[in-house]
Amino acid sequence: MTFHPLVAGGVDHVLRRTRLALPLLLVSILLSNASCSVIDGAFSVLKGTFSVAKTGYRVVKKTVKGTIWVVSGAYELTKGATRLVYHIGKFTFDVVQAPLEYPLIRDDIETIDGLPVKEAIRLGRVKAAPYTVKGQRYVPMTMANAQTYEETGLASWYGEETRRLPGGHMTANGELFNPSALTAAHKYLPLPIHVQVTNLENGKSIVVRVNDRGPFPSDHNPDSGTRIIDLSRGAAEQLGFVDQGTARVHVEVIQLEEA
């Protein structure tokens, strides 16, 4: 058989080209996959950016309305804590954890989250948990939904009787009720949360901590359940409607920004 060097050289050349082409092909495939990953990653980032944009728009909308407030200090009782003091703007809040044996200021609350009220408070299962009052079930809104809550309606104030009773009383989330503090009760907001209340009859406005449930229909006044918020005497005094008992107000959840 005759050996042809040129043919052998041609085969060797093909082999060399193949050896070079294979790594290049692998690199091309890897780059292609990497490009897909980058594209996927970019899409995730874009989705994330879109979510932030939506959140930013809500905050900006609230900023225009002047409802982002700077808070100085922790404003939620944590496990083991019994007291905290913090400030929101010019308003000071002094929160005390009530002893579990104290009676509820709203003694018509029957269950919270399907549990006896004191047990739910002890376990920390109150914030947005459903609860019952005189057989009627109330389902509070989520914290996310509450961020854009605002409503106009009738406000009243409550708790004057505690000034004449011995000992203390607790709110529906286990805090010590102080009739002189800037607090409020609401049927559907998560506890605790802060709202700005404006008396539409005189323009006075304050920030209160919502830490209780109510107002509910009473036996002597079923219409009391249509009121949107029940304020402490201290809050009603600052809003200027203690003597008249009720006032038309605008209530809006505020956005807090830590100092």
Protein backbone atom coordinates (compact mmCIF):
# COMPACT_ATOMS: atom_id res chain seq x y z
CA MET A 1 0.00 0.00 0.00
CA THR A 2 1.30 3.38 -0.89
CA PHE A 3 1.50 5.91 1.94
CA HIS A 4 0.47 9.46 1.03
CA PRO A 5 2.02 12.00 3.39
CA LEU A 6 -0.26 14.71 2.12
CA VAL A 7 -3.35 12.73 3.09
CA ALA A 8 -1.88 11.93 6.49
CA GLY A 9 -1.04 15.58 6.94
CA GLY A 10 -4.59 16.45 5.94
CA VAL A 11 -6.00 14.08 8.56
CA ASP A 12 -3.63 15.48 11.16
CA HIS A 13 -4.74 18.97 10.22
CA VAL A 14 -8.39 17.97 10.58
CA LEU A 15 -7.70 16.43 13.97
CA ARG A 16 -5.92 19.57 15.13
CA ARG A 17 -8.84 21.70 13.95
CA THR A 18 -11.27 19.36 15.70
CA ARG A 19 -9.27 19.56 18.95
CA LEU A 20 -9.44 23.34 18.71
CA ALA A 21 -13.08 23.44 17.70
CA LEU A 22 -14.37 21.26 20.56
CA PRO A 23 -13.22 23.61 23.39
CA LEU A 24 -14.55 26.58 21.43
CA LEU A 25 -17.88 24.79 21.05
CA LEU A 26 -17.98 24.07 24.80
CA VAL A 27 -17.15 27.69 25.60
CA SER A 28 -19.89 28.82 23.24
CA ILE A 29 -22.42 26.54 24.95
CA LEU A 30 -21.34 27.73 28.41
CA LEU A 31 -21.57 31.35 27.36
CA SER A 32 -24.98 30.70 25.89
CA ASN A 33 -26.17 29.17 29.18
CA ALA A 34 -24.56 31.94 31.14
CA SER A 35 -26.32 34.48 28.96
CA CYS A 36 -29.62 32.80 29.75
CA SER A 37 -28.79 32.97 33.44
CA VAL A 38 -27.92 36.62 33.13
CA ILE A 39 -31.16 37.28 31.32
CA ASP A 40 -33.08 35.36 33.96
CA GLY A 41 -31.23 37.26 36.65
CA ALA A 42 -31.97 40.55 34.95
CA PHE A 43 -35.64 39.62 34.74
CA SER A 44 -35.68 38.85 38.47
CA VAL A 45 -34.05 42.18 39.20
CA LEU A 46 -36.56 43.93 36.98
CA LYS A 47 -39.39 42.21 38.83
CA GLY A 48 -37.85 43.24 42.12
CA THR A 49 -37.46 46.80 40.90
CA PHE A 50 -41.10 46.84 39.88
CA SER A 51 -42.17 45.78 43.39
CA VAL A 52 -40.02 48.48 44.93
CA ALA A 53 -41.46 51.01 42.53
CA LYS A 54 -44.98 50.10 43.61
CA THR A 55 -44.02 50.41 47.27
CA GLY A 56 -42.21 53.65 46.58
CA TYR A 57 -45.24 55.07 44.85
CA ARG A 58 -47.42 54.32 47.87
CA VAL A 59 -44.94 55.93 50.22
CA VAL A 60 -44.54 58.95 47.96
CA LYS A 61 -48.30 59.31 47.78
CA LYS A 62 -48.41 59.28 51.58
CA THR A 63 -45.51 61.73 51.80
CA VAL A 64 -47.45 64.26 49.79
CA LYS A 65 -50.23 63.94 52.33
CA GLY A 66 -47.74 64.47 55.15
CA THR A 67 -48.17 61.17 56.96
CA ILE A 68 -44.66 59.74 57.26
CA TRP A 69 -43.54 60.30 60.84
CA VAL A 70 -40.15 59.85 62.46
CA VAL A 71 -40.25 57.55 65.46
CA SER A 72 -37.57 57.71 68.15
CA GLY A 73 -37.27 54.50 70.17
CA ALA A 74 -38.76 50.99 69.96
CA TYR A 75 -42.54 51.09 69.72
CA GLU A 76 -43.55 47.43 70.15
CA LEU A 77 -43.26 45.44 73.35
CA THR A 78 -41.03 42.44 72.82
CA LYS A 79 -41.00 39.22 74.84
CA GLY A 80 -39.77 39.93 78.34
CA ALA A 81 -40.20 43.72 78.06
CA THR A 82 -42.72 45.33 80.41
CA ARG A 83 -42.38 48.99 79.46
CA LEU A 84 -41.20 51.23 76.65
CA VAL A 85 -41.21 54.96 75.97
CA TYR A 86 -40.92 56.41 72.48
CA HIS A 87 -41.72 59.56 70.53
CA ILE A 88 -43.49 60.18 67.23
CA GLY A 89 -43.05 63.80 66.26
CA LYS A 90 -44.09 65.87 69.27
CA PHE A 91 -46.16 63.04 70.79
CA THR A 92 -44.80 60.85 73.59
CA PHE A 93 -45.99 57.31 74.27
CA ASP A 94 -45.44 55.40 77.50
CA VAL A 95 -46.48 51.77 77.06
CA VAL A 96 -46.74 49.37 79.99
CA GLN A 97 -47.47 45.65 79.86
CA ALA A 98 -50.43 44.99 82.17
CA PRO A 99 -50.38 42.13 84.66
CA LEU A 100 -52.37 39.24 83.21
CA GLU A 101 -54.74 39.23 86.17
CA TYR A 102 -56.02 42.73 85.37
CA PRO A 103 -59.57 42.84 83.94
CA LEU A 104 -60.14 43.88 80.34
CA ILE A 105 -61.38 47.38 79.71
CA ARG A 106 -63.60 45.70 77.06
CA ASP A 107 -65.05 42.84 79.05
CA ASP A 108 -67.50 41.94 76.27
CA ILE A 109 -64.70 40.42 74.15
CA GLU A 110 -65.33 36.67 74.44
CA THR A 111 -62.54 35.02 72.43
CA ILE A 112 -59.46 35.99 70.42
CA ASP A 113 -58.15 33.61 67.76
CA GLY A 114 -60.54 30.97 69.09
CA LEU A 115 -58.95 31.09 72.54
CA PRO A 116 -59.95 32.58 75.88
CA VAL A 117 -58.88 36.24 75.75
CA LYS A 118 -56.20 36.06 78.45
CA GLU A 119 -54.70 32.93 76.87
CA ALA A 120 -54.48 34.62 73.46
CA ILE A 121 -52.79 37.63 75.07
CA ARG A 122 -50.34 35.40 76.96
CA LEU A 123 -49.41 33.58 73.75
CA GLY A 124 -49.11 36.79 71.72
CA ARG A 125 -51.89 35.76 69.32
CA VAL A 126 -53.74 39.06 69.16
CA LYS A 127 -52.31 41.35 66.46
CA ALA A 128 -54.65 40.62 63.55
CA ALA A 129 -56.47 37.62 65.00
CA PRO A 130 -60.24 37.25 64.60
CA TYR A 131 -62.25 37.74 67.78
CA THR A 132 -65.83 37.52 69.01
CA VAL A 133 -68.01 40.00 70.87
CA LYS A 134 -71.47 38.92 72.02
CA GLY A 135 -71.43 36.10 69.51
CA GLN A 136 -70.39 38.26 66.55
CA ARG A 137 -67.10 37.45 64.85
CA TYR A 138 -64.81 40.29 63.76
CA VAL A 139 -61.92 39.73 61.34
CA PRO A 140 -59.22 42.47 61.45
CA MET A 141 -57.34 43.51 58.32
CA THR A 142 -53.78 42.37 57.69
CA MET A 143 -50.84 44.63 58.48
CA ALA A 144 -50.20 45.04 54.75
CA ASN A 145 -53.77 46.14 54.05
CA ALA A 146 -53.74 48.45 57.04
CA GLN A 147 -50.87 50.50 55.61
CA THR A 148 -53.20 52.32 53.24
CA TYR A 149 -56.22 52.52 55.56
CA GLU A 150 -58.05 55.80 55.96
CA GLU A 151 -61.65 56.53 56.86
CA THR A 152 -63.94 59.40 57.79
CA GLY A 153 -66.67 58.94 60.37
CA LEU A 154 -67.75 59.46 63.94
CA ALA A 155 -65.34 59.14 66.88
CA SER A 156 -66.20 58.76 70.55
CA TRP A 157 -64.12 58.38 73.71
CA TYR A 158 -64.17 55.77 76.47
CA GLY A 159 -62.62 54.57 79.71
CA GLU A 160 -63.69 57.29 82.13
CA GLU A 161 -65.01 54.65 84.50
CA THR A 162 -61.50 53.33 85.09
CA ARG A 163 -60.63 56.52 86.97
CA ARG A 164 -63.14 55.56 89.66
CA LEU A 165 -62.25 51.87 89.89
CA PRO A 166 -59.48 50.39 92.03
CA GLY A 167 -56.52 48.71 90.34
CA GLY A 168 -55.83 48.78 86.62
CA HIS A 169 -57.34 47.51 83.37
CA MET A 170 -55.81 46.00 80.27
CA THR A 171 -56.49 46.57 76.60
CA ALA A 172 -57.22 43.81 74.10
CA ASN A 173 -53.51 43.38 73.34
CA GLY A 174 -52.47 43.22 77.00
CA GLU A 175 -51.29 46.79 77.55
CA LEU A 176 -52.16 48.80 80.64
CA PHE A 177 -55.06 51.12 79.85
CA ASN A 178 -54.28 54.72 80.71
CA PRO A 179 -57.19 57.13 80.16
CA SER A 180 -54.76 60.06 79.97
CA ALA A 181 -52.57 58.52 77.27
CA LEU A 182 -52.94 58.98 73.50
CA THR A 183 -54.53 55.63 72.68
CA ALA A 184 -57.53 54.33 70.78
CA ALA A 185 -59.69 51.31 70.08
CA HIS A 186 -60.57 50.10 66.59
CA LYS A 187 -62.57 47.09 65.42
CA TYR A 188 -60.45 46.10 62.43
CA LEU A 189 -56.92 47.54 62.58
CA PRO A 190 -54.07 45.25 63.73
CA LEU A 191 -52.77 45.88 67.25
CA PRO A 192 -50.74 47.91 67.89
CA ILE A 193 -50.66 50.45 65.07
CA HIS A 194 -50.52 54.24 64.90
CA VAL A 195 -53.04 56.51 63.26
CA GLN A 196 -53.42 60.23 62.74
CA VAL A 197 -56.81 61.46 63.88
CA THR A 198 -58.09 64.84 62.71
CA ASN A 199 -61.16 66.50 64.19
CA LEU A 200 -62.93 67.81 61.10
CA GLU A 201 -64.96 70.24 63.20
CA ASN A 202 -61.99 72.24 64.51
CA GLY A 203 -58.96 71.06 62.48
CA LYS A 204 -57.06 69.68 65.49
CA SER A 205 -54.94 66.63 64.75
CA ILE A 206 -52.97 64.11 66.85
CA VAL A 207 -51.27 60.72 66.57
CA VAL A 208 -52.59 57.87 68.72
CA ARG A 209 -51.56 54.29 69.39
CA VAL A 210 -54.35 51.82 68.59
CA ASN A 211 -54.12 49.08 71.23
CA ASP A 212 -57.70 48.04 71.92
CA ARG A 213 -60.90 46.80 70.25
CA GLY A 214 -64.12 48.74 69.76
CA PRO A 215 -66.39 50.58 69.64
CA PHE A 216 -69.17 47.98 69.68
CA PRO A 217 -72.96 48.28 69.79
CA SER A 218 -74.12 48.63 73.38
CA ASP A 219 -77.42 47.54 74.91
CA HIS A 220 -78.50 51.11 75.57
CA ASN A 221 -77.10 52.53 72.31
CA PRO A 222 -76.90 50.08 69.37
CA ASP A 223 -75.72 52.90 67.07
CA SER A 224 -72.44 53.18 68.99
CA GLY A 225 -71.16 50.28 66.89
CA THR A 226 -71.24 52.46 63.76
CA ARG A 227 -68.53 54.76 65.14
CA ILE A 228 -65.18 54.16 63.51
CA ILE A 229 -62.87 54.76 66.49
CA ASP A 230 -62.97 55.06 70.27
CA LEU A 231 -60.35 57.37 71.80
CA SER A 232 -59.00 57.68 75.31
CA ARG A 233 -60.07 60.72 77.31
CA GLY A 234 -56.57 62.17 76.89
CA ALA A 235 -56.83 61.94 73.10
CA ALA A 236 -60.37 63.39 73.10
CA GLU A 237 -59.15 66.31 75.22
CA GLN A 238 -56.43 67.15 72.71
CA LEU A 239 -58.93 66.91 69.87
CA GLY A 240 -61.36 69.15 71.75
CA PHE A 241 -64.51 67.01 71.98
CA VAL A 242 -64.60 65.66 75.54
CA ASP A 243 -67.69 67.64 76.52
CA GLN A 244 -69.71 66.83 73.41
CA GLY A 245 -68.76 63.14 73.52
CA THR A 246 -68.40 62.55 69.78
CA ALA A 247 -66.89 64.30 66.78
CA ARG A 248 -66.58 63.76 63.05
CA VAL A 249 -63.00 62.76 62.31
CA HIS A 250 -60.65 61.55 59.61
CA VAL A 251 -58.51 58.55 60.60
CA GLU A 252 -55.43 57.49 58.64
CA VAL A 253 -52.70 54.95 59.36
CA ILE A 254 -49.32 56.68 59.39
CA GLN A 255 -46.01 55.44 58.03
CA LEU A 256 -43.20 55.32 60.60
CA GLU A 257 -39.56 55.94 59.81
CA GLU A 258 -36.96 55.23 62.47
CA ALA A 259 -34.77 58.13 63.51
